[in-house]
N, C-alpha and C. Protein backbone atom coordinates (compact mmCIF):
# COMPACT_ATOMS: atom_id res chain seq x y z
N PRO A 1 0.80 -1.22 0.00
CA PRO A 1 0.00 0.00 0.00
C PRO A 1 0.84 1.28 0.00
N LEU A 2 2.12 1.17 0.30
CA LEU A 2 2.97 2.35 0.36
C LEU A 2 3.43 2.77 -1.04
N THR A 3 3.77 4.03 -1.17
CA THR A 3 4.29 4.55 -2.43
C THR A 3 5.63 5.23 -2.18
N GLY A 4 6.21 5.74 -3.24
CA GLY A 4 7.48 6.45 -3.14
C GLY A 4 7.38 7.77 -2.39
N ARG A 5 6.18 8.19 -2.04
CA ARG A 5 5.99 9.38 -1.20
C ARG A 5 6.11 9.05 0.28
N ASP A 6 6.02 7.77 0.61
CA ASP A 6 6.10 7.34 2.01
C ASP A 6 7.56 7.19 2.42
N GLU A 7 7.86 7.65 3.62
CA GLU A 7 9.24 7.70 4.10
C GLU A 7 10.00 6.37 4.00
N PRO A 8 9.43 5.24 4.41
CA PRO A 8 10.20 3.99 4.32
C PRO A 8 10.59 3.64 2.88
N VAL A 9 9.66 3.83 1.96
CA VAL A 9 9.94 3.52 0.55
C VAL A 9 10.94 4.52 0.00
N ARG A 10 10.69 5.80 0.25
CA ARG A 10 11.60 6.86 -0.22
C ARG A 10 13.02 6.62 0.29
N ASP A 11 13.14 6.34 1.58
CA ASP A 11 14.47 6.12 2.16
C ASP A 11 15.16 4.91 1.54
N TYR A 12 14.39 3.86 1.29
CA TYR A 12 14.97 2.67 0.66
C TYR A 12 15.46 2.98 -0.75
N VAL A 13 14.61 3.59 -1.55
CA VAL A 13 14.97 3.90 -2.95
C VAL A 13 16.16 4.84 -2.99
N LEU A 14 16.10 5.92 -2.23
CA LEU A 14 17.18 6.92 -2.27
C LEU A 14 18.45 6.43 -1.59
N GLY A 15 18.32 5.39 -0.78
CA GLY A 15 19.48 4.85 -0.07
C GLY A 15 20.32 3.87 -0.88
N GLN A 16 19.86 3.50 -2.05
CA GLN A 16 20.60 2.56 -2.90
C GLN A 16 21.80 3.28 -3.53
N PRO A 17 22.98 2.66 -3.53
CA PRO A 17 24.17 3.32 -4.11
C PRO A 17 23.95 3.77 -5.56
N ILE A 18 23.31 2.96 -6.35
CA ILE A 18 23.11 3.32 -7.76
C ILE A 18 22.20 4.54 -7.89
N THR A 19 21.27 4.70 -6.94
CA THR A 19 20.37 5.86 -7.00
C THR A 19 21.15 7.14 -6.81
N GLY A 20 22.08 7.14 -5.89
CA GLY A 20 22.91 8.34 -5.68
C GLY A 20 23.70 8.69 -6.92
N GLN A 21 24.27 7.70 -7.55
CA GLN A 21 25.03 7.94 -8.78
C GLN A 21 24.13 8.47 -9.88
N PHE A 22 22.95 7.87 -10.02
CA PHE A 22 22.00 8.30 -11.03
C PHE A 22 21.61 9.76 -10.81
N LEU A 23 21.28 10.10 -9.57
CA LEU A 23 20.85 11.47 -9.26
C LEU A 23 21.97 12.48 -9.48
N GLU A 24 23.19 12.11 -9.18
CA GLU A 24 24.32 13.01 -9.44
C GLU A 24 24.44 13.31 -10.93
N HIS A 25 24.35 12.30 -11.76
CA HIS A 25 24.45 12.50 -13.22
C HIS A 25 23.24 13.28 -13.75
N LEU A 26 22.07 12.94 -13.25
CA LEU A 26 20.86 13.63 -13.68
C LEU A 26 20.92 15.11 -13.30
N ASP A 27 21.35 15.38 -12.08
CA ASP A 27 21.45 16.77 -11.62
C ASP A 27 22.42 17.56 -12.49
N ALA A 28 23.56 16.95 -12.82
CA ALA A 28 24.54 17.63 -13.68
C ALA A 28 23.94 17.91 -15.06
N MET A 29 23.20 16.96 -15.60
CA MET A 29 22.59 17.14 -16.91
C MET A 29 21.55 18.27 -16.87
N LEU A 30 20.72 18.26 -15.83
CA LEU A 30 19.69 19.29 -15.72
C LEU A 30 20.30 20.67 -15.49
N GLU A 31 21.38 20.74 -14.73
CA GLU A 31 22.05 22.03 -14.53
C GLU A 31 22.60 22.58 -15.84
N LEU A 32 22.98 21.71 -16.74
CA LEU A 32 23.46 22.12 -18.06
C LEU A 32 22.29 22.52 -18.98
N LEU A 33 21.24 21.71 -19.01
CA LEU A 33 20.16 21.90 -19.97
C LEU A 33 19.11 22.93 -19.60
N LEU A 34 18.72 23.00 -18.34
CA LEU A 34 17.61 23.87 -17.98
C LEU A 34 17.87 25.35 -18.28
N PRO A 35 19.05 25.89 -17.98
CA PRO A 35 19.29 27.29 -18.36
C PRO A 35 19.20 27.51 -19.87
N ALA A 36 19.57 26.53 -20.66
CA ALA A 36 19.48 26.65 -22.11
C ALA A 36 18.02 26.70 -22.56
N TYR A 37 17.17 25.88 -21.94
CA TYR A 37 15.74 25.92 -22.26
C TYR A 37 15.16 27.28 -21.91
N VAL A 38 15.52 27.80 -20.75
CA VAL A 38 15.03 29.12 -20.33
C VAL A 38 15.52 30.19 -21.29
N ALA A 39 16.79 30.14 -21.65
CA ALA A 39 17.36 31.13 -22.56
C ALA A 39 16.69 31.12 -23.93
N GLU A 40 16.22 29.95 -24.35
CA GLU A 40 15.53 29.84 -25.64
C GLU A 40 14.07 30.25 -25.54
N GLY A 41 13.62 30.58 -24.34
CA GLY A 41 12.24 31.02 -24.16
C GLY A 41 11.24 29.89 -24.10
N LYS A 42 11.69 28.69 -23.85
CA LYS A 42 10.77 27.56 -23.74
C LYS A 42 9.87 27.75 -22.52
N SER A 43 8.59 27.45 -22.67
CA SER A 43 7.67 27.65 -21.56
C SER A 43 7.46 26.39 -20.73
N TYR A 44 7.82 25.24 -21.26
CA TYR A 44 7.70 24.03 -20.46
C TYR A 44 8.65 22.94 -20.97
N LEU A 45 8.93 22.02 -20.09
CA LEU A 45 9.76 20.86 -20.38
C LEU A 45 9.16 19.69 -19.61
N THR A 46 9.00 18.57 -20.26
CA THR A 46 8.49 17.39 -19.58
C THR A 46 9.65 16.46 -19.28
N ILE A 47 9.74 16.06 -18.03
CA ILE A 47 10.73 15.08 -17.58
C ILE A 47 9.93 13.91 -17.01
N ALA A 48 10.18 12.71 -17.50
CA ALA A 48 9.40 11.56 -17.05
C ALA A 48 10.30 10.46 -16.53
N PHE A 49 9.83 9.79 -15.50
CA PHE A 49 10.52 8.63 -14.93
C PHE A 49 9.54 7.48 -14.92
N GLY A 50 10.03 6.30 -15.19
CA GLY A 50 9.17 5.13 -15.17
C GLY A 50 9.82 3.99 -14.41
N CYS A 51 8.99 3.12 -13.90
CA CYS A 51 9.46 1.88 -13.29
C CYS A 51 8.36 0.84 -13.50
N THR A 52 8.60 -0.35 -13.10
CA THR A 52 7.70 -1.46 -13.39
C THR A 52 6.26 -1.19 -12.98
N GLY A 53 6.04 -0.74 -11.76
CA GLY A 53 4.67 -0.53 -11.29
C GLY A 53 4.23 0.92 -11.25
N GLY A 54 5.17 1.85 -11.30
CA GLY A 54 4.82 3.26 -11.29
C GLY A 54 4.38 3.80 -9.94
N ARG A 55 4.75 3.10 -8.86
CA ARG A 55 4.30 3.54 -7.54
C ARG A 55 5.44 3.77 -6.56
N HIS A 56 6.61 3.23 -6.83
CA HIS A 56 7.68 3.26 -5.83
C HIS A 56 8.90 4.02 -6.31
N ARG A 57 9.73 3.38 -7.15
CA ARG A 57 10.98 4.02 -7.59
C ARG A 57 10.75 5.31 -8.35
N SER A 58 9.88 5.25 -9.35
CA SER A 58 9.67 6.45 -10.17
C SER A 58 9.09 7.59 -9.34
N VAL A 59 8.23 7.28 -8.39
CA VAL A 59 7.62 8.31 -7.55
C VAL A 59 8.68 8.93 -6.64
N ALA A 60 9.48 8.10 -5.99
CA ALA A 60 10.52 8.62 -5.10
C ALA A 60 11.52 9.49 -5.86
N ILE A 61 11.92 9.04 -7.03
CA ILE A 61 12.88 9.80 -7.85
C ILE A 61 12.26 11.12 -8.31
N ALA A 62 11.03 11.06 -8.82
CA ALA A 62 10.37 12.28 -9.31
C ALA A 62 10.21 13.30 -8.19
N GLU A 63 9.80 12.86 -7.03
CA GLU A 63 9.63 13.78 -5.90
C GLU A 63 10.96 14.39 -5.47
N HIS A 64 12.00 13.58 -5.47
CA HIS A 64 13.33 14.07 -5.10
C HIS A 64 13.84 15.11 -6.10
N VAL A 65 13.71 14.80 -7.37
CA VAL A 65 14.15 15.73 -8.42
C VAL A 65 13.33 17.01 -8.37
N ALA A 66 12.02 16.88 -8.16
CA ALA A 66 11.16 18.06 -8.07
C ALA A 66 11.59 18.97 -6.92
N ALA A 67 11.87 18.38 -5.76
CA ALA A 67 12.31 19.18 -4.61
C ALA A 67 13.62 19.89 -4.91
N SER A 68 14.52 19.20 -5.58
CA SER A 68 15.80 19.79 -5.95
C SER A 68 15.62 20.96 -6.91
N LEU A 69 14.76 20.79 -7.90
CA LEU A 69 14.52 21.86 -8.88
C LEU A 69 13.78 23.04 -8.25
N ARG A 70 12.85 22.76 -7.36
CA ARG A 70 12.16 23.85 -6.66
C ARG A 70 13.15 24.66 -5.82
N ALA A 71 14.08 23.97 -5.18
CA ALA A 71 15.09 24.66 -4.37
C ALA A 71 15.97 25.56 -5.22
N LYS A 72 16.06 25.27 -6.51
CA LYS A 72 16.85 26.09 -7.43
C LYS A 72 16.00 27.17 -8.10
N GLY A 73 14.74 27.29 -7.69
CA GLY A 73 13.89 28.35 -8.17
C GLY A 73 13.00 28.02 -9.35
N PHE A 74 12.97 26.77 -9.77
CA PHE A 74 12.11 26.39 -10.88
C PHE A 74 10.70 26.11 -10.38
N GLU A 75 9.72 26.56 -11.15
CA GLU A 75 8.33 26.29 -10.84
C GLU A 75 7.92 25.05 -11.63
N LEU A 76 7.31 24.08 -10.96
CA LEU A 76 6.98 22.85 -11.66
C LEU A 76 5.77 22.17 -11.09
N ARG A 77 5.31 21.19 -11.82
CA ARG A 77 4.17 20.37 -11.44
C ARG A 77 4.59 18.91 -11.55
N VAL A 78 4.20 18.12 -10.57
CA VAL A 78 4.51 16.69 -10.58
C VAL A 78 3.21 15.91 -10.68
N THR A 79 3.18 14.96 -11.60
CA THR A 79 2.02 14.09 -11.77
C THR A 79 2.52 12.64 -11.76
N HIS A 80 1.85 11.82 -10.98
CA HIS A 80 2.19 10.39 -10.92
C HIS A 80 1.05 9.61 -11.56
N ARG A 81 1.25 9.20 -12.78
CA ARG A 81 0.20 8.57 -13.57
C ARG A 81 -0.35 7.29 -12.94
N ASP A 82 0.53 6.46 -12.39
CA ASP A 82 0.10 5.13 -11.95
C ASP A 82 0.07 4.95 -10.44
N ILE A 83 0.21 6.02 -9.68
CA ILE A 83 0.35 5.88 -8.23
C ILE A 83 -0.89 5.25 -7.55
N ASP A 84 -2.04 5.43 -8.14
CA ASP A 84 -3.28 4.91 -7.52
C ASP A 84 -3.69 3.54 -8.05
N ARG A 85 -2.84 2.91 -8.84
CA ARG A 85 -3.19 1.57 -9.36
C ARG A 85 -3.03 0.52 -8.31
């Protein structure tokens, strides 16, 4: 019944060594690309994450990335397509 928004699941997903490496690379890529999108006058960008069930890994990663981007001043919306399945 838990999802990637719940602390035990979030802590497990984010606590995996590969997750830290993934997020480091993703953060570096977004730091490079997002200012370019803004400079080009783009009004939106879709970033999507998927996993087998759409309730745990992808949710935890999306929420983490969203918090990071909000902390950098980006306005965004997060939607979890499969979280209620």
